[in-house]
Amino acid sequence: MGPKFRPFYNELVAQLIDLSHEVEQGMITYKGLPGPIICDYLSRQASREFYASGTEFHIGRINMVANTGTYVDSPFHRYENGMDLAELPLESLANLEGLVVHTAERSIGPESLAGLSLAGKAVLFHTGWDRHWRTPAYFQDHPFVARDTAQALVDGGARMVGIDSHNIDDAADLTRPAHSIVLGAGIPVCEHLCNLAALPDTGFRFNAVPVKVKAFGTFPVRAFAVVE
């Protein structure tokens, strides 16, 4: 067994809250899209022929669609001429002032944002739907952001929008109004979050940074919060 590494800056680690799902072999994030295939490209055993005795490495390989696990949508996901992942500024993905909006509604209306300051913030909708993750219930009658709410987020100056549900849109609405409005305004979207109940309503910084891929609209992230 290899060495075990202890985390440093323990006082900081204690304040980090993971908000993303694990990506596992074969898991389904969105019905109709295939699950990831995770395998060895070079196994530890096979690597031994290339290195000195007692030295080995693992190189993994993953084949997956972009919409896997917890991921960020860039405007390119919806619009051909929208910003792709490589063009998104880090300021729209990292160290964002966070705001949690708690809701029990299926169609999340603009009244959920009444009296809240949205400007420059990552607005995260906590619905509790992550409790259904990897069950059939996750895909059925999930909470979503209504059209008027999406417009209110844009008008209020939100910097990012996130949800712990299957989609920010009603999957039955093929016009996808929330995606169209929010991404049309250049605001990234983070879907399939989890563990939002562990966050305070305010007083944290949100981070969800995807790989910097050109001509790509969506990619998984390790979303997390730093509680101040």
Protein backbone atom coordinates (compact mmCIF):
# COMPACT_ATOMS: atom_id res chain seq x y z
CA MET A 1 0.00 0.00 0.00
CA GLY A 2 1.29 3.46 -0.91
CA PRO A 3 1.87 6.38 1.44
CA LYS A 4 -1.03 8.13 3.08
CA PHE A 5 -1.10 11.90 2.80
CA ARG A 6 -2.55 14.03 5.53
CA PRO A 7 -4.36 17.20 4.47
CA PHE A 8 -2.62 20.43 5.38
CA TYR A 9 -4.25 23.66 6.48
CA ASN A 10 -6.69 21.66 8.60
CA GLU A 11 -8.43 24.80 9.75
CA LEU A 12 -9.30 25.55 6.09
CA VAL A 13 -10.21 21.98 5.13
CA ALA A 14 -12.84 21.94 7.87
CA GLN A 15 -14.62 24.79 6.09
CA LEU A 16 -14.81 23.13 2.65
CA ILE A 17 -18.19 21.61 1.75
CA ASP A 18 -18.42 19.27 -1.23
CA LEU A 19 -21.52 19.90 -3.37
CA SER A 20 -20.95 17.43 -6.20
CA HIS A 21 -21.92 13.85 -6.97
CA GLU A 22 -19.36 11.13 -7.57
CA VAL A 23 -18.94 9.95 -11.16
CA GLU A 24 -19.13 6.16 -11.30
CA GLN A 25 -19.01 3.48 -13.97
CA GLY A 26 -22.33 3.22 -15.81
CA MET A 27 -24.26 5.77 -13.74
CA ILE A 28 -27.07 7.61 -15.54
CA THR A 29 -27.29 11.36 -15.02
CA TYR A 30 -29.89 12.10 -17.69
CA LYS A 31 -32.28 9.55 -19.16
CA GLY A 32 -31.43 8.77 -22.76
CA LEU A 33 -27.74 9.64 -22.33
CA PRO A 34 -25.21 6.86 -21.72
CA GLY A 35 -23.37 6.43 -18.46
CA PRO A 36 -19.59 6.79 -18.32
CA ILE A 37 -17.24 3.95 -19.15
CA ILE A 38 -14.33 4.04 -16.71
CA CYS A 39 -11.41 1.70 -17.32
CA ASP A 40 -7.64 1.35 -17.43
CA TYR A 41 -5.63 2.73 -20.31
CA LEU A 42 -2.50 1.47 -18.60
CA SER A 43 -2.95 -0.75 -15.57
CA ARG A 44 -0.46 -0.80 -12.71
CA GLN A 45 0.52 -4.34 -13.60
CA ALA A 46 1.08 -3.48 -17.26
CA SER A 47 3.09 -0.39 -16.34
CA ARG A 48 5.76 -2.42 -14.55
CA GLU A 49 7.52 -3.26 -17.81
CA PHE A 50 8.25 0.44 -18.39
CA TYR A 51 9.68 1.34 -14.96
CA ALA A 52 12.24 0.19 -12.45
CA SER A 53 11.41 -2.68 -10.15
CA GLY A 54 8.88 -1.64 -7.52
CA THR A 55 7.72 1.39 -9.51
CA GLU A 56 4.29 1.39 -11.13
CA PHE A 57 1.68 3.88 -12.32
CA HIS A 58 -1.96 3.89 -13.33
CA ILE A 59 -3.34 5.80 -16.32
CA GLY A 60 -7.11 5.75 -16.46
CA ARG A 61 -9.48 6.25 -19.36
CA ILE A 62 -13.03 7.57 -19.30
CA ASN A 63 -15.57 7.72 -22.11
CA MET A 64 -18.55 9.88 -21.21
CA VAL A 65 -20.98 12.46 -22.49
CA ALA A 66 -20.49 15.99 -21.24
CA ASN A 67 -23.67 15.93 -19.14
CA THR A 68 -22.40 13.55 -16.49
CA GLY A 69 -22.59 13.97 -12.72
CA THR A 70 -22.55 17.52 -11.40
CA TYR A 71 -21.73 19.78 -14.34
CA VAL A 72 -21.64 23.34 -15.61
CA ASP A 73 -23.40 24.53 -18.75
CA SER A 74 -21.82 27.38 -20.68
CA PRO A 75 -23.82 29.51 -23.15
CA PHE A 76 -22.40 27.39 -26.01
CA HIS A 77 -24.51 24.49 -24.71
CA ARG A 78 -27.60 26.38 -25.89
CA TYR A 79 -26.29 28.87 -28.43
CA GLU A 80 -23.91 28.22 -31.32
CA ASN A 81 -22.22 31.59 -30.89
CA GLY A 82 -22.30 31.58 -27.09
CA MET A 83 -19.20 31.39 -24.89
CA ASP A 84 -17.79 27.88 -24.68
CA LEU A 85 -16.09 26.36 -21.65
CA ALA A 86 -12.71 27.77 -22.64
CA GLU A 87 -14.13 31.28 -22.95
CA LEU A 88 -15.94 31.40 -19.61
CA PRO A 89 -14.10 33.82 -17.31
CA LEU A 90 -12.95 32.33 -14.03
CA GLU A 91 -14.83 35.16 -12.32
CA SER A 92 -18.07 33.45 -13.39
CA LEU A 93 -17.05 30.06 -11.99
CA ALA A 94 -14.87 30.51 -8.90
CA ASN A 95 -14.77 32.41 -5.62
CA LEU A 96 -18.33 33.62 -6.11
CA GLU A 97 -20.34 35.01 -3.24
CA GLY A 98 -23.01 32.40 -2.67
CA LEU A 99 -26.71 32.59 -1.88
CA VAL A 100 -28.91 29.59 -1.09
CA VAL A 101 -32.61 29.85 -1.92
CA HIS A 102 -34.70 27.20 -0.16
CA THR A 103 -37.87 26.09 -1.90
CA ALA A 104 -40.42 23.30 -1.71
CA GLU A 105 -42.11 24.28 -4.98
CA ARG A 106 -41.90 22.20 -8.11
CA SER A 107 -42.14 25.25 -10.35
CA ILE A 108 -39.87 27.74 -8.59
CA GLY A 109 -41.49 31.14 -8.98
CA PRO A 110 -39.93 34.61 -8.79
CA GLU A 111 -41.43 35.14 -5.34
CA SER A 112 -38.63 32.85 -4.06
CA LEU A 113 -36.22 35.69 -4.84
CA ALA A 114 -38.24 38.49 -3.28
CA GLY A 115 -36.11 40.85 -1.22
CA LEU A 116 -32.85 39.07 -2.03
CA SER A 117 -29.75 40.75 -3.42
CA LEU A 118 -28.63 38.70 -6.42
CA ALA A 119 -26.01 40.90 -8.04
CA GLY A 120 -22.70 39.14 -8.61
CA LYS A 121 -23.78 36.02 -6.72
CA ALA A 122 -24.02 32.31 -7.37
CA VAL A 123 -27.70 31.69 -6.67
CA LEU A 124 -28.20 28.05 -5.62
CA PHE A 125 -31.69 26.58 -5.40
CA HIS A 126 -31.97 24.06 -2.58
CA THR A 127 -34.90 21.74 -3.30
CA GLY A 128 -33.64 18.58 -1.57
CA TRP A 129 -34.12 16.64 -4.80
CA ASP A 130 -30.61 15.21 -4.52
CA ARG A 131 -32.08 12.69 -2.08
CA HIS A 132 -33.42 10.86 -5.16
CA TRP A 133 -30.05 10.70 -6.93
CA ARG A 134 -29.57 7.44 -8.83
CA THR A 135 -33.19 6.37 -8.33
CA PRO A 136 -36.07 6.46 -10.86
CA ALA A 137 -37.72 9.25 -8.84
CA TYR A 138 -34.89 11.62 -9.71
CA PHE A 139 -36.16 11.97 -13.29
CA GLN A 140 -39.86 12.38 -12.48
CA ASP A 141 -41.63 15.64 -11.59
CA HIS A 142 -38.41 17.31 -10.52
CA PRO A 143 -38.25 20.93 -9.30
CA PHE A 144 -37.29 23.52 -11.92
CA VAL A 145 -36.83 27.27 -12.38
CA ALA A 146 -39.83 28.97 -13.97
CA ARG A 147 -39.42 31.33 -16.91
CA ASP A 148 -40.19 34.45 -14.87
CA THR A 149 -37.69 33.37 -12.22
CA ALA A 150 -34.98 32.90 -14.82
CA GLN A 151 -35.64 36.43 -16.06
CA ALA A 152 -35.55 37.76 -12.50
CA LEU A 153 -32.12 36.13 -12.03
CA VAL A 154 -30.83 37.87 -15.13
CA ASP A 155 -32.41 41.20 -14.20
CA GLY A 156 -30.99 40.92 -10.69
CA GLY A 157 -27.44 40.40 -11.94
CA ALA A 158 -26.84 36.81 -10.81
CA ARG A 159 -23.38 35.56 -11.80
CA MET A 160 -24.17 31.84 -11.76
CA VAL A 161 -27.30 29.74 -11.23
CA GLY A 162 -27.29 26.29 -9.64
CA ILE A 163 -29.82 23.67 -8.58
CA ASP A 164 -29.74 20.32 -6.76
CA SER A 165 -32.30 18.90 -9.18
CA HIS A 166 -32.39 17.07 -12.50
CA ASN A 167 -32.67 20.25 -14.61
CA ILE A 168 -33.21 23.98 -14.18
CA ASP A 169 -36.01 23.55 -16.75
CA ASP A 170 -39.07 21.37 -16.70
CA ALA A 171 -37.85 18.42 -18.78
CA ALA A 172 -41.28 18.26 -20.41
CA ASP A 173 -40.92 21.81 -21.77
CA LEU A 174 -38.92 21.37 -24.94
CA THR A 175 -38.41 25.13 -25.36
CA ARG A 176 -36.15 25.11 -22.27
CA PRO A 177 -36.97 28.70 -21.20
CA ALA A 178 -34.71 28.84 -18.14
CA HIS A 179 -31.67 27.63 -20.06
CA SER A 180 -32.48 29.96 -22.93
CA ILE A 181 -32.83 33.03 -20.73
CA VAL A 182 -29.97 32.42 -18.31
CA LEU A 183 -27.41 31.13 -20.81
CA GLY A 184 -28.53 33.79 -23.28
CA ALA A 185 -27.40 36.36 -20.73
CA GLY A 186 -23.96 34.73 -20.46
CA ILE A 187 -24.63 33.23 -17.02
CA PRO A 188 -23.30 29.67 -16.44
CA VAL A 189 -25.61 27.04 -14.98
CA CYS A 190 -24.61 24.29 -12.53
CA GLU A 191 -26.98 21.32 -12.37
CA HIS A 192 -27.15 18.17 -10.22
CA LEU A 193 -25.69 19.80 -7.15
CA CYS A 194 -26.02 18.05 -3.80
CA ASN A 195 -25.57 18.68 -0.07
CA LEU A 196 -26.87 22.25 -0.26
CA ALA A 197 -28.55 21.71 3.13
CA ALA A 198 -25.08 21.85 4.67
CA LEU A 199 -24.58 25.45 3.55
CA PRO A 200 -25.59 28.63 5.35
CA ASP A 201 -27.94 30.85 3.36
CA THR A 202 -25.11 33.36 2.85
CA GLY A 203 -21.51 33.81 3.98
CA PHE A 204 -19.79 31.32 1.68
CA ARG A 205 -17.89 31.30 -1.60
CA PHE A 206 -18.98 28.96 -4.38
CA ASN A 207 -16.71 27.23 -6.88
CA ALA A 208 -17.58 25.06 -9.89
CA VAL A 209 -14.80 25.09 -12.48
CA PRO A 210 -14.90 22.76 -15.51
CA VAL A 211 -12.00 21.76 -17.74
CA LYS A 212 -11.10 24.49 -20.23
CA VAL A 213 -12.32 22.71 -23.39
CA LYS A 214 -12.67 24.61 -26.66
CA ALA A 215 -15.92 24.24 -28.66
CA PHE A 216 -17.60 22.40 -25.76
CA GLY A 217 -20.61 23.58 -23.84
CA THR A 218 -20.83 21.36 -20.75
CA PHE A 219 -18.43 19.48 -18.48
CA PRO A 220 -18.44 17.86 -15.01
CA VAL A 221 -17.12 19.87 -12.07
CA ARG A 222 -16.06 19.34 -8.46
CA ALA A 223 -18.43 21.92 -7.01
CA PHE A 224 -17.67 23.08 -3.49
CA ALA A 225 -18.20 25.92 -1.07
CA VAL A 226 -15.82 27.64 1.31
CA VAL A 227 -17.72 28.79 4.35
CA GLU A 228 -16.39 32.12 5.60
